[in-house]
Amino acid sequence: MRAFILTGPGEYAVEDVPSPEAAPGEVVVDVERAGVCGTDVEFFTGEMAYLRQGHAAYPMRIGHEWAGTVSATGAGVDRAWLGRRVTGDTMLGDGTCHRCRGGRQHLCEARQEVGIRGGRAGALAERLAVPASSLRALPEGVDAELGALVEPGGNALRVAQAVAVRPGERVLVLGPGTIGSLAALFLRAAGAEVHVLGPSEPALEFVRSLGFDRAWTAGTLPDLPYDAVVDATNGVRMPALALDVVEPGGRLAYIGLSGEPSRIDTRTLVLKDVTAVGVLSASPALDATIAAYASGAVDPRPLVAATVGLDAVGPVLAGERPVGAGPGPKIHVDPRRML
């Protein structure tokens, strides 16, 4: 099969590699869509922390946002999975530790992460092998495009849940990228008055096209009481800004990561009686995300700017926009396409 391989920082190839076989407890999925994520870009540039920590190494096959159809099952797997359109959890715990037994396999110290950690091959290939236990069936109406948006959507939904908005409350989302835009959609669906902060007016054009008219830059942000703030940026100063602008007694959710340590003043946190939550992984929210997409409560399709083949992945990782791409922040890959 054809697969996209990262061989080093800024180095890649599309290669013919052996197709995976379904080991006991696993399935093989024919990949129909895979998303390109900021984490993939960090592996491309060599900046991803896992490379320094020994959790990942080149050569590697990236891709952790995906959807496809089960084409083979291994021993011990219910054959009813065959022919089902699915997506799957990125985080694969060892199943035996205290965290896994407590339902927090996404925090397992020994976890693999599909296309990210522990040598588990990712979805930028024609086929993918994953544990059957990680699968999520996609209902009718949730096609491959939506299925490949479940993983980023799950992260965004967890952020929205973390700030626990009530209808009519005012929420500020820092960052108009994929996670920030999805979080804004989930927060709006929950009845919040959503504001979005971006680095520039051009960066805000897309979220405005989604109907978020309260979109600001640092110079235009109104001095309003924000009941909750979501930081979905990689800006080193943004966590502190979130704490500065949130109302006393308000809620903060942090999901963005900067390239260097970011700091908040815990004196402000305490004196404002603020609740702050960090979010890692979509795992606990995958089912709820699928349900939101299936019901139409949230429509993430506008985020997909273009769908390309494996041969175009390298330039996308290097920052090139595909010819004819729309305004959305997300690029999808169809491994079956030759261009």
Protein backbone atom coordinates (compact mmCIF):
# COMPACT_ATOMS: atom_id res chain seq x y z
CA MET A 1 0.00 0.00 0.00
CA ARG A 2 1.02 3.66 -0.32
CA ALA A 3 1.88 5.58 2.82
CA PHE A 4 3.26 8.99 3.74
CA ILE A 5 6.46 8.63 5.78
CA LEU A 6 8.32 11.30 7.71
CA THR A 7 12.02 10.42 7.53
CA GLY A 8 13.38 13.42 9.42
CA PRO A 9 12.72 17.11 10.08
CA GLY A 10 11.45 18.51 6.79
CA GLU A 11 12.09 15.19 5.05
CA TYR A 12 9.43 12.83 3.75
CA ALA A 13 8.45 10.33 1.09
CA VAL A 14 5.38 8.54 -0.20
CA GLU A 15 6.40 4.89 -0.23
CA ASP A 16 5.02 1.48 -1.03
CA VAL A 17 5.00 -0.40 2.28
CA PRO A 18 3.53 -3.73 3.41
CA SER A 19 -0.16 -3.59 4.20
CA PRO A 20 -0.96 -4.13 7.88
CA GLU A 21 -2.48 -7.38 9.02
CA ALA A 22 -5.13 -7.63 11.71
CA ALA A 23 -3.40 -8.94 14.83
CA PRO A 24 -5.49 -10.56 17.57
CA GLY A 25 -7.84 -7.95 18.99
CA GLU A 26 -7.25 -5.59 16.08
CA VAL A 27 -8.92 -4.57 12.83
CA VAL A 28 -7.63 -3.18 9.54
CA VAL A 29 -9.39 -0.08 8.26
CA ASP A 30 -9.38 1.17 4.67
CA VAL A 31 -8.74 4.87 5.29
CA GLU A 32 -11.10 7.24 3.48
CA ARG A 33 -10.15 10.53 5.12
CA ALA A 34 -7.38 11.73 7.43
CA GLY A 35 -6.85 15.22 8.79
CA VAL A 36 -3.59 17.15 8.92
CA CYS A 37 -3.10 18.55 12.43
CA GLY A 38 -0.78 20.98 14.16
CA THR A 39 0.84 18.02 15.91
CA ASP A 40 1.72 16.61 12.48
CA VAL A 41 3.35 19.92 11.61
CA GLU A 42 5.43 19.75 14.80
CA PHE A 43 6.72 16.33 13.77
CA PHE A 44 7.49 17.71 10.32
CA THR A 45 9.52 20.59 11.76
CA GLY A 46 11.15 18.41 14.42
CA GLU A 47 9.76 20.57 17.26
CA MET A 48 7.46 17.92 18.76
CA ALA A 49 8.50 17.25 22.36
CA TYR A 50 7.95 13.48 22.03
CA LEU A 51 10.99 13.34 19.71
CA ARG A 52 13.23 14.66 22.49
CA GLN A 53 11.54 12.57 25.17
CA GLY A 54 12.00 9.28 23.33
CA HIS A 55 8.28 8.65 22.78
CA ALA A 56 8.61 9.00 18.99
CA ALA A 57 11.34 8.65 16.39
CA TYR A 58 11.83 8.90 12.65
CA PRO A 59 10.92 7.30 10.34
CA MET A 60 7.28 7.52 11.32
CA ARG A 61 3.83 7.45 9.78
CA ILE A 62 1.71 10.29 11.10
CA GLY A 63 -2.06 10.91 11.05
CA HIS A 64 -4.43 10.59 14.00
CA GLU A 65 -7.67 12.19 12.74
CA TRP A 66 -9.28 9.62 10.49
CA ALA A 67 -12.29 7.70 9.25
CA GLY A 68 -12.66 4.62 7.08
CA THR A 69 -14.25 1.23 6.64
CA VAL A 70 -13.23 -1.97 8.45
CA SER A 71 -11.90 -4.46 5.90
CA ALA A 72 -10.38 -7.17 8.10
CA THR A 73 -10.67 -8.43 11.68
CA GLY A 74 -8.16 -10.28 13.82
CA ALA A 75 -8.71 -13.18 16.17
CA GLY A 76 -11.15 -12.43 18.96
CA VAL A 77 -12.81 -9.51 17.17
CA ASP A 78 -16.52 -9.52 16.40
CA ARG A 79 -16.84 -9.90 12.63
CA ALA A 80 -19.85 -7.58 12.73
CA TRP A 81 -17.28 -4.80 12.45
CA LEU A 82 -16.58 -5.81 8.84
CA GLY A 83 -17.89 -3.21 6.42
CA ARG A 84 -18.66 -0.67 9.18
CA ARG A 85 -17.57 2.92 8.74
CA VAL A 86 -15.61 3.90 11.83
CA THR A 87 -13.27 6.33 13.45
CA GLY A 88 -11.17 5.58 16.52
CA ASP A 89 -9.57 6.81 19.69
CA THR A 90 -6.03 8.14 19.24
CA MET A 91 -5.00 7.20 22.78
CA LEU A 92 -4.32 3.50 23.36
CA GLY A 93 -3.61 2.69 27.01
CA ASP A 94 -2.07 -0.53 28.25
CA GLY A 95 -5.40 -1.50 29.83
CA THR A 96 -3.84 -2.63 33.09
CA CYS A 97 -2.64 0.45 34.99
CA HIS A 98 -4.58 2.43 37.59
CA ARG A 99 -5.43 5.15 35.09
CA CYS A 100 -6.70 2.73 32.47
CA ARG A 101 -8.79 0.86 35.02
CA GLY A 102 -10.28 4.19 36.09
CA GLY A 103 -11.35 5.05 32.52
CA ARG A 104 -8.48 7.45 31.90
CA GLN A 105 -6.54 5.46 29.33
CA HIS A 106 -5.67 8.70 27.53
CA LEU A 107 -3.37 9.47 30.49
CA CYS A 108 -1.73 6.04 30.64
CA GLU A 109 2.03 6.46 31.07
CA ALA A 110 2.67 3.51 28.75
CA ARG A 111 0.12 4.54 26.12
CA GLN A 112 0.58 4.45 22.40
CA GLU A 113 -0.94 7.23 20.32
CA VAL A 114 -1.97 6.51 16.74
CA GLY A 115 0.43 8.31 14.42
CA ILE A 116 2.11 10.06 17.33
CA ARG A 117 3.64 7.98 20.10
CA GLY A 118 5.09 4.55 20.78
CA GLY A 119 5.64 3.52 17.16
CA ARG A 120 1.92 3.10 16.39
CA ALA A 121 1.54 3.79 12.65
CA GLY A 122 -0.88 6.54 11.70
CA ALA A 123 -3.60 7.10 9.15
CA LEU A 124 -1.74 8.84 6.32
CA ALA A 125 -1.81 5.58 4.40
CA GLU A 126 -4.28 3.50 2.46
CA ARG A 127 -4.84 1.18 5.41
CA LEU A 128 -4.52 1.37 9.18
CA ALA A 129 -4.41 -1.26 11.93
CA VAL A 130 -5.95 -0.35 15.31
CA PRO A 131 -7.35 -2.20 18.33
CA ALA A 132 -11.04 -3.00 17.95
CA SER A 133 -11.54 -1.60 21.45
CA SER A 134 -10.62 1.86 20.16
CA LEU A 135 -13.26 1.92 17.42
CA ARG A 136 -16.30 4.18 17.29
CA ALA A 137 -18.99 3.27 14.77
CA LEU A 138 -20.20 6.18 12.64
CA PRO A 139 -23.97 6.34 12.18
CA GLU A 140 -25.64 6.97 8.87
CA GLY A 141 -25.31 10.63 8.03
CA VAL A 142 -21.83 10.88 9.52
CA ASP A 143 -19.68 10.32 6.45
CA ALA A 144 -15.90 10.02 6.21
CA GLU A 145 -15.38 13.78 6.14
CA LEU A 146 -17.30 14.24 9.39
CA GLY A 147 -15.70 11.11 10.82
CA ALA A 148 -12.22 12.55 10.36
CA LEU A 149 -13.36 15.64 12.28
CA VAL A 150 -14.44 13.64 15.34
CA GLU A 151 -11.00 13.68 16.98
CA PRO A 152 -10.48 17.46 16.83
CA GLY A 153 -14.16 17.92 17.64
CA GLY A 154 -13.80 15.79 20.75
CA ASN A 155 -10.98 17.99 21.99
CA ALA A 156 -13.06 21.09 21.35
CA LEU A 157 -16.13 19.61 23.03
CA ARG A 158 -14.13 18.77 26.15
CA VAL A 159 -12.93 22.37 26.30
CA ALA A 160 -16.52 23.60 25.94
CA GLN A 161 -17.64 21.21 28.66
CA ALA A 162 -14.79 22.29 30.95
CA VAL A 163 -16.01 25.88 31.12
CA ALA A 164 -19.55 24.68 31.93
CA VAL A 165 -21.42 27.53 30.30
CA ARG A 166 -25.04 28.29 30.97
CA PRO A 167 -27.30 29.76 28.27
CA GLY A 168 -26.64 33.46 27.85
CA GLU A 169 -23.22 33.47 29.49
CA ARG A 170 -20.44 35.29 27.68
CA VAL A 171 -17.42 33.23 26.60
CA LEU A 172 -14.21 34.40 24.97
CA VAL A 173 -12.34 31.92 22.74
CA LEU A 174 -8.70 32.75 22.17
CA GLY A 175 -7.62 31.49 18.75
CA PRO A 176 -9.63 31.11 15.52
CA GLY A 177 -7.91 27.90 14.34
CA THR A 178 -9.41 24.41 14.11
CA ILE A 179 -9.87 23.77 17.84
CA GLY A 180 -10.90 27.34 18.60
CA SER A 181 -13.46 27.36 15.79
CA LEU A 182 -14.87 23.99 16.84
CA ALA A 183 -15.00 25.08 20.48
CA ALA A 184 -16.90 28.20 19.42
CA LEU A 185 -19.41 26.03 17.55
CA PHE A 186 -19.98 23.77 20.56
CA LEU A 187 -20.26 26.74 22.91
CA ARG A 188 -22.79 28.42 20.64
CA ALA A 189 -24.79 25.19 20.52
CA ALA A 190 -24.85 25.29 24.34
CA GLY A 191 -26.44 28.75 24.25
CA ALA A 192 -23.41 30.90 25.08
CA GLU A 193 -22.70 34.36 23.72
CA VAL A 194 -19.42 33.57 21.97
CA HIS A 195 -16.61 36.05 21.32
CA VAL A 196 -13.42 35.11 19.47
CA LEU A 197 -9.99 36.77 19.71
CA GLY A 198 -7.57 36.42 16.80
CA PRO A 199 -4.13 37.80 15.93
CA SER A 200 -5.34 39.90 12.98
CA GLU A 201 -8.42 40.89 11.01
CA PRO A 202 -7.63 38.44 8.15
CA ALA A 203 -7.29 35.62 10.70
CA LEU A 204 -10.85 36.33 11.86
CA GLU A 205 -12.51 36.20 8.44
CA PHE A 206 -13.24 32.48 8.66
CA VAL A 207 -14.91 32.53 12.08
CA ARG A 208 -16.99 35.49 10.96
CA SER A 209 -18.16 33.37 8.01
CA LEU A 210 -19.44 30.87 10.61
CA GLY A 211 -21.64 33.59 12.06
CA PHE A 212 -19.38 34.74 14.90
CA ASP A 213 -19.70 38.49 14.48
CA ARG A 214 -18.15 39.19 17.89
CA ALA A 215 -14.62 38.58 16.59
CA TRP A 216 -11.83 40.81 17.83
CA THR A 217 -8.14 41.55 17.74
CA ALA A 218 -6.17 42.64 20.81
CA GLY A 219 -6.73 46.25 19.80
CA THR A 220 -10.50 45.96 19.42
CA LEU A 221 -11.39 43.53 22.24
CA PRO A 222 -14.19 45.17 24.24
CA ASP A 223 -13.86 45.54 28.00
CA LEU A 224 -16.69 43.17 28.91
CA PRO A 225 -17.20 40.65 31.73
CA TYR A 226 -16.32 37.21 30.33
CA ASP A 227 -17.82 34.40 32.36
CA ALA A 228 -15.42 31.91 30.80
CA VAL A 229 -12.34 31.94 28.56
CA VAL A 230 -10.92 29.17 26.36
CA ASP A 231 -7.27 29.34 25.30
CA ALA A 232 -6.84 27.43 22.04
CA THR A 233 -3.64 29.19 20.95
CA ASN A 234 0.09 28.49 21.04
CA GLY A 235 0.90 31.98 22.27
CA VAL A 236 3.14 32.03 25.30
CA ARG A 237 1.36 35.07 26.80
CA MET A 238 -2.20 33.97 26.10
CA PRO A 239 -2.74 31.85 29.25
CA ALA A 240 -2.03 34.92 31.37
CA LEU A 241 -4.33 37.04 29.21
CA ALA A 242 -7.12 34.50 29.70
CA LEU A 243 -6.75 34.81 33.47
CA ASP A 244 -6.63 38.60 33.29
CA VAL A 245 -9.88 39.00 31.34
CA VAL A 246 -12.04 36.29 32.93
CA GLU A 247 -14.60 37.40 35.50
CA PRO A 248 -13.98 36.67 39.19
CA GLY A 249 -15.50 33.29 39.88
CA GLY A 250 -15.20 32.42 36.20
CA ARG A 251 -13.82 29.38 34.41
CA LEU A 252 -10.76 28.88 32.23
CA ALA A 253 -9.95 25.98 29.90
CA TYR A 254 -6.49 25.55 28.44
CA ILE A 255 -5.85 23.32 25.43
CA GLY A 256 -3.23 25.25 23.44
CA LEU A 257 0.47 24.64 23.98
CA SER A 258 3.26 27.14 23.37
CA GLY A 259 6.75 26.24 22.28
CA GLU A 260 8.21 27.54 25.54
CA PRO A 261 6.89 27.60 29.11
CA SER A 262 3.90 29.87 29.63
CA ARG A 263 3.09 31.26 33.06
CA ILE A 264 0.10 32.51 34.99
CA ASP A 265 0.11 34.37 38.29
CA THR A 266 -1.53 32.02 40.78
CA ARG A 267 -2.14 34.98 43.08
CA THR A 268 -4.58 36.28 40.47
CA LEU A 269 -6.08 32.82 40.10
CA VAL A 270 -6.70 32.58 43.83
CA LEU A 271 -7.84 36.13 44.47
CA LYS A 272 -10.30 35.95 41.57
CA ASP A 273 -11.53 32.50 42.74
CA VAL A 274 -11.15 31.16 39.19
CA THR A 275 -11.45 27.51 38.14
CA ALA A 276 -8.82 26.51 35.55
CA VAL A 277 -8.85 23.20 33.65
CA GLY A 278 -6.30 21.68 31.28
CA VAL A 279 -7.54 19.41 28.49
CA LEU A 280 -5.56 16.60 26.85
CA SER A 281 -7.21 14.34 24.29
CA ALA A 282 -10.63 13.88 22.75
CA SER A 283 -11.03 10.40 24.25
CA PRO A 284 -13.77 11.07 26.84
CA ALA A 285 -15.87 13.06 24.34
CA LEU A 286 -15.73 10.98 21.14
CA ASP A 287 -19.23 9.52 21.49
CA ALA A 288 -20.80 12.88 22.32
CA THR A 289 -19.05 14.50 19.36
CA ILE A 290 -20.38 11.88 16.96
CA ALA A 291 -23.87 12.41 18.38
CA ALA A 292 -23.59 16.19 17.92
CA TYR A 293 -22.54 15.77 14.29
CA ALA A 294 -25.26 13.18 13.62
CA SER A 295 -27.98 15.40 15.06
CA GLY A 296 -26.79 18.50 13.23
CA ALA A 297 -26.31 20.40 16.48
CA VAL A 298 -22.80 21.19 15.27
CA ASP A 299 -21.73 21.26 11.60
CA PRO A 300 -17.94 21.28 11.23
CA ARG A 301 -17.85 20.77 7.44
CA PRO A 302 -16.94 24.40 6.65
CA LEU A 303 -13.61 23.89 8.44
CA VAL A 304 -12.35 21.61 5.65
CA ALA A 305 -10.64 23.84 3.08
CA ALA A 306 -9.48 21.10 0.71
CA THR A 307 -8.98 17.36 0.33
CA VAL A 308 -5.72 16.19 -1.25
CA GLY A 309 -3.88 12.95 -1.92
CA LEU A 310 -0.81 11.58 -0.14
CA ASP A 311 1.57 13.21 -2.61
CA ALA A 312 0.41 16.67 -1.52
CA VAL A 313 0.88 16.11 2.22
CA GLY A 314 4.50 17.28 2.34
CA PRO A 315 3.81 20.71 0.89
CA VAL A 316 0.78 21.08 3.20
CA LEU A 317 2.97 20.34 6.23
CA ALA A 318 5.43 22.93 4.94
CA GLY A 319 2.67 25.53 5.01
CA GLU A 320 1.48 25.58 1.39
CA ARG A 321 -2.23 25.96 0.72
CA PRO A 322 -3.60 23.63 -1.96
CA VAL A 323 -4.72 25.32 -5.15
CA GLY A 324 -8.40 26.21 -4.88
CA ALA A 325 -8.51 25.70 -1.11
CA GLY A 326 -11.36 27.34 0.76
CA PRO A 327 -10.98 29.57 3.81
CA GLY A 328 -11.20 26.85 6.48
CA PRO A 329 -8.21 25.87 8.63
CA LYS A 330 -8.33 22.09 8.05
CA ILE A 331 -6.81 20.08 5.20
CA HIS A 332 -8.02 16.53 4.67
CA VAL A 333 -6.25 13.70 2.92
CA ASP A 334 -7.86 10.95 0.86
CA PRO A 335 -5.16 8.27 0.60
CA ARG A 336 -6.93 6.72 -2.37
CA ARG A 337 -6.31 9.84 -4.49
CA MET A 338 -3.21 10.00 -6.61
CA LEU A 339 -3.02 13.82 -6.62
